[in-house]
Amino acid sequence: MACGQTKTKSVGDKQNIELAAIDNVELRKHQYQKDSLNINLKLLNGEQSKWLVDKWNNAKSNGICTYIPTFWLAIHFKDGSKRTFRINGQSIKESNDYCFDLGDNLYLDQLWTKTE
């Protein structure tokens, strides 16, 4: 690298998630709560959160894609920060329209419909 140059982050770069830094993970069908009587939120347990972190950290790039999200995912960290993801099928994206492949298009649907 030439003197004075710094590596800039590419639009398609993704930032891995450290499982130990997570406080909780919320899965929603809508970005915001629409009805105070019908809660559309599921908190993921440790095993489900680990699955998600592993899938995200190993996800391969799909390039730019646009879609209407099926799920919204909010990861809350122990330091008070939060990352929000949009998911449709096996495609996931964070802060722009650069998509990554989770490799499984049914897991989150099954998780959503599963009653505990």
C-alpha atoms as a PDB file:
ATOM      1  CA  MET A   1       0.000   0.000   0.000  1.00  0.00           C
ATOM      2  CA  ALA A   2       1.384   3.421  -0.879  1.00  0.00           C
ATOM      3  CA  CYS A   3       2.254   5.891   1.825  1.00  0.00           C
ATOM      4  CA  GLY A   4      -0.818   7.724   3.128  1.00  0.00           C
ATOM      5  CA  GLN A   5      -3.326   5.263   1.678  1.00  0.00           C
ATOM      6  CA  THR A   6      -5.841   3.611   3.919  1.00  0.00           C
ATOM      7  CA  LYS A   7      -8.019   0.663   3.148  1.00  0.00           C
ATOM      8  CA  THR A   8     -11.603   1.790   2.709  1.00  0.00           C
ATOM      9  CA  LYS A   9     -14.542  -0.425   3.452  1.00  0.00           C
ATOM     10  CA  SER A  10     -16.308  -1.663   0.338  1.00  0.00           C
ATOM     11  CA  VAL A  11     -20.097  -1.440   0.082  1.00  0.00           C
ATOM     12  CA  GLY A  12     -20.206  -5.238  -0.111  1.00  0.00           C
ATOM     13  CA  ASP A  13     -18.092  -5.844   2.998  1.00  0.00           C
ATOM     14  CA  LYS A  14     -19.886  -7.380   5.926  1.00  0.00           C
ATOM     15  CA  GLN A  15     -18.957  -7.096   9.541  1.00  0.00           C
ATOM     16  CA  ASN A  16     -18.926 -10.415  11.408  1.00  0.00           C
ATOM     17  CA  ILE A  17     -20.826 -10.836  14.660  1.00  0.00           C
ATOM     18  CA  GLU A  18     -19.231 -12.065  17.861  1.00  0.00           C
ATOM     19  CA  LEU A  19     -21.688 -14.377  19.638  1.00  0.00           C
ATOM     20  CA  ALA A  20     -20.316 -13.576  23.113  1.00  0.00           C
ATOM     21  CA  ALA A  21     -21.064  -9.856  22.583  1.00  0.00           C
ATOM     22  CA  ILE A  22     -24.809 -10.411  22.009  1.00  0.00           C
ATOM     23  CA  ASP A  23     -27.344  -9.514  24.692  1.00  0.00           C
ATOM     24  CA  ASN A  24     -30.447 -10.652  22.768  1.00  0.00           C
ATOM     25  CA  VAL A  25     -31.812 -11.194  19.259  1.00  0.00           C
ATOM     26  CA  GLU A  26     -35.328 -10.181  18.160  1.00  0.00           C
ATOM     27  CA  LEU A  27     -37.101 -11.593  15.118  1.00  0.00           C
ATOM     28  CA  ARG A  28     -40.060  -9.578  13.773  1.00  0.00           C
ATOM     29  CA  LYS A  29     -42.496  -9.868  10.883  1.00  0.00           C
ATOM     30  CA  HIS A  30     -42.666  -6.070  10.588  1.00  0.00           C
ATOM     31  CA  GLN A  31     -40.093  -3.388  11.209  1.00  0.00           C
ATOM     32  CA  TYR A  32     -42.245  -1.724  13.856  1.00  0.00           C
ATOM     33  CA  GLN A  33     -44.951  -2.942  16.206  1.00  0.00           C
ATOM     34  CA  LYS A  34     -48.231  -2.217  14.389  1.00  0.00           C
ATOM     35  CA  ASP A  35     -50.725  -3.389  17.001  1.00  0.00           C
ATOM     36  CA  SER A  36     -50.289  -3.224  20.774  1.00  0.00           C
ATOM     37  CA  LEU A  37     -52.495  -6.302  21.223  1.00  0.00           C
ATOM     38  CA  ASN A  38     -50.767  -8.510  18.656  1.00  0.00           C
ATOM     39  CA  ILE A  39     -47.081  -8.818  19.504  1.00  0.00           C
ATOM     40  CA  ASN A  40     -45.105  -9.660  16.372  1.00  0.00           C
ATOM     41  CA  LEU A  41     -41.791 -10.368  18.066  1.00  0.00           C
ATOM     42  CA  LYS A  42     -39.852 -13.495  19.017  1.00  0.00           C
ATOM     43  CA  LEU A  43     -36.734 -13.505  21.137  1.00  0.00           C
ATOM     44  CA  LEU A  44     -34.276 -16.085  19.894  1.00  0.00           C
ATOM     45  CA  ASN A  45     -32.729 -18.477  22.398  1.00  0.00           C
ATOM     46  CA  GLY A  46     -28.985 -19.188  22.568  1.00  0.00           C
ATOM     47  CA  GLU A  47     -29.036 -22.040  20.055  1.00  0.00           C
ATOM     48  CA  GLN A  48     -31.109 -20.038  17.551  1.00  0.00           C
ATOM     49  CA  SER A  49     -28.859 -16.987  17.977  1.00  0.00           C
ATOM     50  CA  LYS A  50     -25.766 -19.149  17.415  1.00  0.00           C
ATOM     51  CA  TRP A  51     -27.311 -20.570  14.211  1.00  0.00           C
ATOM     52  CA  LEU A  52     -27.947 -17.046  12.945  1.00  0.00           C
ATOM     53  CA  VAL A  53     -24.469 -15.751  13.836  1.00  0.00           C
ATOM     54  CA  ASP A  54     -22.836 -18.772  12.155  1.00  0.00           C
ATOM     55  CA  LYS A  55     -24.965 -18.283   9.024  1.00  0.00           C
ATOM     56  CA  TRP A  56     -24.197 -14.544   8.856  1.00  0.00           C
ATOM     57  CA  ASN A  57     -20.467 -14.926   9.513  1.00  0.00           C
ATOM     58  CA  ASN A  58     -20.205 -17.592   6.768  1.00  0.00           C
ATOM     59  CA  ALA A  59     -22.652 -16.025   4.286  1.00  0.00           C
ATOM     60  CA  LYS A  60     -21.450 -15.541   0.726  1.00  0.00           C
ATOM     61  CA  SER A  61     -22.142 -12.372  -1.205  1.00  0.00           C
ATOM     62  CA  ASN A  62     -25.066 -12.259  -3.660  1.00  0.00           C
ATOM     63  CA  GLY A  63     -24.394  -8.732  -4.853  1.00  0.00           C
ATOM     64  CA  ILE A  64     -27.052  -6.038  -5.005  1.00  0.00           C
ATOM     65  CA  CYS A  65     -30.660  -7.181  -4.630  1.00  0.00           C
ATOM     66  CA  THR A  66     -33.927  -5.536  -3.731  1.00  0.00           C
ATOM     67  CA  TYR A  67     -36.899  -7.146  -2.048  1.00  0.00           C
ATOM     68  CA  ILE A  68     -39.648  -6.626   0.471  1.00  0.00           C
ATOM     69  CA  PRO A  69     -38.400  -8.103   3.760  1.00  0.00           C
ATOM     70  CA  THR A  70     -40.203 -11.107   5.204  1.00  0.00           C
ATOM     71  CA  PHE A  71     -38.452 -10.663   8.547  1.00  0.00           C
ATOM     72  CA  TRP A  72     -36.646  -7.934  10.441  1.00  0.00           C
ATOM     73  CA  LEU A  73     -33.884  -9.001  12.787  1.00  0.00           C
ATOM     74  CA  ALA A  74     -32.477  -6.802  15.560  1.00  0.00           C
ATOM     75  CA  ILE A  75     -29.346  -7.884  17.371  1.00  0.00           C
ATOM     76  CA  HIS A  76     -28.830  -6.043  20.644  1.00  0.00           C
ATOM     77  CA  PHE A  77     -25.304  -6.104  22.032  1.00  0.00           C
ATOM     78  CA  LYS A  78     -24.092  -5.968  25.618  1.00  0.00           C
ATOM     79  CA  ASP A  79     -22.455  -2.590  24.952  1.00  0.00           C
ATOM     80  CA  GLY A  80     -25.888  -1.080  24.135  1.00  0.00           C
ATOM     81  CA  SER A  81     -25.434  -1.011  20.349  1.00  0.00           C
ATOM     82  CA  LYS A  82     -27.834  -2.608  17.879  1.00  0.00           C
ATOM     83  CA  ARG A  83     -27.622  -3.971  14.337  1.00  0.00           C
ATOM     84  CA  THR A  84     -30.721  -4.400  12.176  1.00  0.00           C
ATOM     85  CA  PHE A  85     -31.060  -6.850   9.291  1.00  0.00           C
ATOM     86  CA  ARG A  86     -33.721  -7.425   6.624  1.00  0.00           C
ATOM     87  CA  ILE A  87     -34.391 -10.978   5.466  1.00  0.00           C
ATOM     88  CA  ASN A  88     -36.334 -12.511   2.592  1.00  0.00           C
ATOM     89  CA  GLY A  89     -35.944 -16.248   2.066  1.00  0.00           C
ATOM     90  CA  GLN A  90     -32.266 -16.986   2.328  1.00  0.00           C
ATOM     91  CA  SER A  91     -31.159 -13.446   1.448  1.00  0.00           C
ATOM     92  CA  ILE A  92     -30.102 -11.110   4.228  1.00  0.00           C
ATOM     93  CA  LYS A  93     -28.908  -7.521   4.110  1.00  0.00           C
ATOM     94  CA  GLU A  94     -27.977  -4.973   6.724  1.00  0.00           C
ATOM     95  CA  SER A  95     -27.446  -1.288   5.974  1.00  0.00           C
ATOM     96  CA  ASN A  96     -27.778  -1.218   2.174  1.00  0.00           C
ATOM     97  CA  ASP A  97     -29.056  -3.412  -0.686  1.00  0.00           C
ATOM     98  CA  TYR A  98     -25.969  -5.638  -0.755  1.00  0.00           C
ATOM     99  CA  CYS A  99     -27.273  -9.175  -0.084  1.00  0.00           C
ATOM    100  CA  PHE A 100     -25.715 -12.241   1.445  1.00  0.00           C
ATOM    101  CA  ASP A 101     -26.873 -15.850   1.240  1.00  0.00           C
ATOM    102  CA  LEU A 102     -27.856 -17.519   4.539  1.00  0.00           C
ATOM    103  CA  GLY A 103     -27.981 -20.881   2.781  1.00  0.00           C
ATOM    104  CA  ASP A 104     -31.376 -21.826   4.247  1.00  0.00           C
ATOM    105  CA  ASN A 105     -34.681 -20.319   3.182  1.00  0.00           C
ATOM    106  CA  LEU A 106     -36.945 -22.275   5.565  1.00  0.00           C
ATOM    107  CA  TYR A 107     -35.329 -22.053   9.013  1.00  0.00           C
ATOM    108  CA  LEU A 108     -36.656 -18.613   9.976  1.00  0.00           C
ATOM    109  CA  ASP A 109     -40.146 -19.400   8.639  1.00  0.00           C
ATOM    110  CA  GLN A 110     -40.186 -22.583  10.732  1.00  0.00           C
ATOM    111  CA  LEU A 111     -38.842 -20.702  13.728  1.00  0.00           C
ATOM    112  CA  TRP A 112     -41.567 -18.064  13.366  1.00  0.00           C
ATOM    113  CA  THR A 113     -44.414 -20.572  13.191  1.00  0.00           C
ATOM    114  CA  LYS A 114     -42.973 -22.817  15.941  1.00  0.00           C
ATOM    115  CA  THR A 115     -44.835 -22.576  19.239  1.00  0.00           C
ATOM    116  CA  GLU A 116     -42.820 -23.029  22.386  1.00  0.00           C
END
